Amino acid sequence: MKPCPADLPQTINPEAGPKRAGVETHRNLNCHHYDNCLDEAVRRGWQSFTCMKCPMYQHVAPPQMGLEAYATQRRPV
């Protein structure tokens, strides 16, 4: 299975509200392919993207580290 992010014409509100879905609705932040999809969205010049149409969207992987470690991790270049 290959990840396939989709263009989202407006930015995602960080917090869900009565009229807009939050980040957790549009994206699977724990997906092993999330960084690659983020890179793809940047390459294509998308303002935002959603994972909802991706066949891997329902495959939820638990976080592999605490929130603080996740926020400060660095990917090898």
N, C-alpha and C. Protein backbone atom coordinates (compact mmCIF):
# COMPACT_ATOMS: atom_id res chain seq x y z
N MET A 1 0.84 -1.18 0.00
CA MET A 1 0.00 0.00 0.00
C MET A 1 0.88 1.24 0.00
N LYS A 2 0.50 2.23 -0.78
CA LYS A 2 1.27 3.46 -0.89
C LYS A 2 0.47 4.62 -0.29
N PRO A 3 1.11 5.47 0.52
CA PRO A 3 0.39 6.63 1.07
C PRO A 3 0.07 7.63 -0.03
N CYS A 4 -1.07 8.29 0.09
CA CYS A 4 -1.44 9.27 -0.93
C CYS A 4 -2.18 10.45 -0.28
N PRO A 5 -1.43 11.46 0.14
CA PRO A 5 -2.08 12.65 0.70
C PRO A 5 -2.86 13.38 -0.37
N ALA A 6 -3.86 14.15 0.03
CA ALA A 6 -4.68 14.91 -0.92
C ALA A 6 -4.63 16.39 -0.56
N ASP A 7 -4.65 17.22 -1.59
CA ASP A 7 -4.63 18.67 -1.41
C ASP A 7 -5.86 19.12 -0.62
N LEU A 8 -5.65 20.05 0.28
CA LEU A 8 -6.73 20.65 1.06
C LEU A 8 -6.64 22.15 0.83
N PRO A 9 -7.64 22.76 0.22
CA PRO A 9 -7.54 24.16 -0.20
C PRO A 9 -7.41 25.18 0.92
N GLN A 10 -7.83 24.85 2.12
CA GLN A 10 -7.69 25.81 3.23
C GLN A 10 -6.83 25.18 4.32
N THR A 11 -6.27 26.03 5.16
CA THR A 11 -5.46 25.51 6.26
C THR A 11 -6.35 24.84 7.29
N ILE A 12 -5.75 23.98 8.08
CA ILE A 12 -6.49 23.26 9.12
C ILE A 12 -6.40 24.05 10.41
N ASN A 13 -7.53 24.26 11.04
CA ASN A 13 -7.57 24.92 12.34
C ASN A 13 -6.97 23.95 13.35
N PRO A 14 -5.99 24.39 14.15
CA PRO A 14 -5.37 23.46 15.10
C PRO A 14 -6.36 22.85 16.10
N GLU A 15 -7.43 23.57 16.39
CA GLU A 15 -8.43 23.06 17.31
C GLU A 15 -9.76 22.89 16.58
N ALA A 16 -10.41 21.79 16.82
CA ALA A 16 -11.71 21.53 16.19
C ALA A 16 -12.75 22.49 16.74
N GLY A 17 -13.68 22.85 15.90
CA GLY A 17 -14.77 23.72 16.31
C GLY A 17 -16.07 23.20 15.73
N PRO A 18 -17.16 23.93 15.93
CA PRO A 18 -18.45 23.46 15.43
C PRO A 18 -18.52 23.43 13.90
N LYS A 19 -17.73 24.25 13.21
CA LYS A 19 -17.81 24.33 11.76
C LYS A 19 -16.59 23.77 11.04
N ARG A 20 -15.51 23.51 11.77
CA ARG A 20 -14.29 23.03 11.13
C ARG A 20 -13.71 21.85 11.90
N ALA A 21 -13.20 20.89 11.15
CA ALA A 21 -12.55 19.73 11.76
C ALA A 21 -11.13 20.11 12.16
N GLY A 22 -10.63 19.53 13.22
CA GLY A 22 -9.27 19.79 13.69
C GLY A 22 -8.25 18.92 12.97
N VAL A 23 -7.01 19.08 13.34
CA VAL A 23 -5.91 18.34 12.72
C VAL A 23 -6.12 16.83 12.84
N GLU A 24 -6.55 16.36 14.00
CA GLU A 24 -6.71 14.93 14.22
C GLU A 24 -7.72 14.30 13.27
N THR A 25 -8.67 15.08 12.78
CA THR A 25 -9.66 14.57 11.84
C THR A 25 -9.06 14.40 10.45
N HIS A 26 -8.22 15.33 10.04
CA HIS A 26 -7.67 15.32 8.68
C HIS A 26 -6.40 14.50 8.53
N ARG A 27 -5.64 14.35 9.60
CA ARG A 27 -4.33 13.71 9.47
C ARG A 27 -4.10 12.63 10.52
N ASN A 28 -3.37 11.61 10.11
CA ASN A 28 -2.94 10.56 11.03
C ASN A 28 -1.51 10.90 11.44
N LEU A 29 -1.36 11.66 12.52
CA LEU A 29 -0.05 12.16 12.94
C LEU A 29 0.90 11.05 13.37
N ASN A 30 0.38 9.88 13.69
CA ASN A 30 1.21 8.76 14.12
C ASN A 30 1.56 7.80 12.99
N CYS A 31 1.17 8.11 11.78
CA CYS A 31 1.47 7.26 10.63
C CYS A 31 2.98 7.29 10.36
N HIS A 32 3.53 6.15 10.02
CA HIS A 32 4.96 6.07 9.72
C HIS A 32 5.32 6.85 8.46
N HIS A 33 4.35 7.15 7.61
CA HIS A 33 4.60 7.86 6.36
C HIS A 33 4.29 9.36 6.45
N TYR A 34 3.91 9.84 7.63
CA TYR A 34 3.48 11.24 7.77
C TYR A 34 4.54 12.23 7.28
N ASP A 35 5.80 12.02 7.64
CA ASP A 35 6.86 12.93 7.21
C ASP A 35 6.98 12.96 5.69
N ASN A 36 6.87 11.80 5.05
CA ASN A 36 6.94 11.74 3.58
C ASN A 36 5.77 12.47 2.94
N CYS A 37 4.60 12.34 3.52
CA CYS A 37 3.42 13.04 2.98
C CYS A 37 3.55 14.54 3.17
N LEU A 38 4.10 14.95 4.29
CA LEU A 38 4.34 16.37 4.53
C LEU A 38 5.33 16.91 3.50
N ASP A 39 6.39 16.17 3.23
CA ASP A 39 7.36 16.57 2.20
C ASP A 39 6.69 16.66 0.83
N GLU A 40 5.83 15.71 0.51
CA GLU A 40 5.11 15.71 -0.77
C GLU A 40 4.23 16.95 -0.90
N ALA A 41 3.54 17.31 0.16
CA ALA A 41 2.67 18.50 0.14
C ALA A 41 3.50 19.76 -0.10
N VAL A 42 4.67 19.83 0.49
CA VAL A 42 5.55 20.99 0.29
C VAL A 42 6.05 21.02 -1.15
N ARG A 43 6.48 19.87 -1.68
CA ARG A 43 6.96 19.81 -3.07
C ARG A 43 5.88 20.26 -4.06
N ARG A 44 4.64 19.91 -3.78
CA ARG A 44 3.55 20.27 -4.69
C ARG A 44 3.00 21.67 -4.44
N GLY A 45 3.49 22.33 -3.40
CA GLY A 45 3.06 23.70 -3.11
C GLY A 45 1.66 23.80 -2.52
N TRP A 46 1.22 22.73 -1.85
CA TRP A 46 -0.11 22.75 -1.24
C TRP A 46 -0.11 23.62 0.00
N GLN A 47 -1.20 24.33 0.22
CA GLN A 47 -1.35 25.13 1.43
C GLN A 47 -1.55 24.22 2.64
N SER A 48 -2.22 23.11 2.42
CA SER A 48 -2.48 22.13 3.47
C SER A 48 -2.78 20.79 2.80
N PHE A 49 -2.86 19.72 3.59
CA PHE A 49 -3.21 18.43 3.01
C PHE A 49 -4.01 17.61 4.02
N THR A 50 -4.68 16.60 3.49
CA THR A 50 -5.47 15.70 4.33
C THR A 50 -5.08 14.26 4.03
N CYS A 51 -5.20 13.43 5.03
CA CYS A 51 -4.92 12.00 4.90
C CYS A 51 -6.21 11.19 4.74
N MET A 52 -7.35 11.85 4.79
CA MET A 52 -8.63 11.15 4.86
C MET A 52 -8.91 10.24 3.67
N LYS A 53 -8.36 10.56 2.48
CA LYS A 53 -8.60 9.73 1.30
C LYS A 53 -7.54 8.65 1.12
N CYS A 54 -6.54 8.65 1.98
CA CYS A 54 -5.45 7.68 1.88
C CYS A 54 -5.91 6.32 2.40
N PRO A 55 -5.55 5.23 1.71
CA PRO A 55 -5.94 3.91 2.20
C PRO A 55 -5.28 3.55 3.53
N MET A 56 -4.23 4.25 3.90
CA MET A 56 -3.53 3.97 5.15
C MET A 56 -4.04 4.83 6.31
N TYR A 57 -5.03 5.66 6.06
CA TYR A 57 -5.53 6.59 7.07
C TYR A 57 -6.03 5.88 8.32
N GLN A 58 -6.65 4.73 8.17
CA GLN A 58 -7.21 4.00 9.30
C GLN A 58 -6.17 3.19 10.07
N HIS A 59 -4.98 3.01 9.50
CA HIS A 59 -3.93 2.26 10.18
C HIS A 59 -3.26 3.18 11.20
N VAL A 60 -3.62 3.01 12.45
CA VAL A 60 -3.11 3.88 13.50
C VAL A 60 -1.96 3.19 14.23
N ALA A 61 -0.81 3.84 14.21
CA ALA A 61 0.34 3.34 14.96
C ALA A 61 0.48 4.18 16.21
N PRO A 62 0.67 3.56 17.36
CA PRO A 62 0.82 4.35 18.59
C PRO A 62 2.12 5.15 18.55
N PRO A 63 2.15 6.28 19.23
CA PRO A 63 3.39 7.07 19.27
C PRO A 63 4.52 6.23 19.85
N GLN A 64 5.71 6.38 19.30
CA GLN A 64 6.84 5.59 19.75
C GLN A 64 7.64 6.29 20.83
N MET A 65 7.26 7.51 21.16
CA MET A 65 7.98 8.26 22.19
C MET A 65 7.03 9.27 22.80
N GLY A 66 7.45 9.90 23.87
CA GLY A 66 6.62 10.91 24.52
C GLY A 66 6.48 12.16 23.66
N LEU A 67 5.51 12.98 23.99
CA LEU A 67 5.22 14.18 23.22
C LEU A 67 6.41 15.12 23.14
N GLU A 68 7.10 15.33 24.24
CA GLU A 68 8.26 16.24 24.24
C GLU A 68 9.36 15.73 23.31
N ALA A 69 9.64 14.44 23.35
CA ALA A 69 10.66 13.87 22.48
C ALA A 69 10.24 13.96 21.02
N TYR A 70 8.95 13.75 20.74
CA TYR A 70 8.45 13.84 19.37
C TYR A 70 8.62 15.26 18.83
N ALA A 71 8.33 16.25 19.66
CA ALA A 71 8.40 17.64 19.22
C ALA A 71 9.83 18.09 18.96
N THR A 72 10.80 17.46 19.58
CA THR A 72 12.18 17.92 19.44
C THR A 72 13.05 16.96 18.65
N GLN A 73 12.48 15.91 18.08
CA GLN A 73 13.29 14.96 17.32
C GLN A 73 13.78 15.59 16.02
N ARG A 74 14.87 15.08 15.52
CA ARG A 74 15.41 15.55 14.24
C ARG A 74 15.55 14.35 13.32
N ARG A 75 15.13 14.55 12.08
CA ARG A 75 15.28 13.50 11.08
C ARG A 75 16.67 13.59 10.48
N PRO A 76 17.27 12.46 10.14
CA PRO A 76 18.57 12.52 9.45
C PRO A 76 18.38 13.14 8.07
N VAL A 77 19.33 13.92 7.66
CA VAL A 77 19.22 14.62 6.37
C VAL A 77 19.88 13.83 5.29
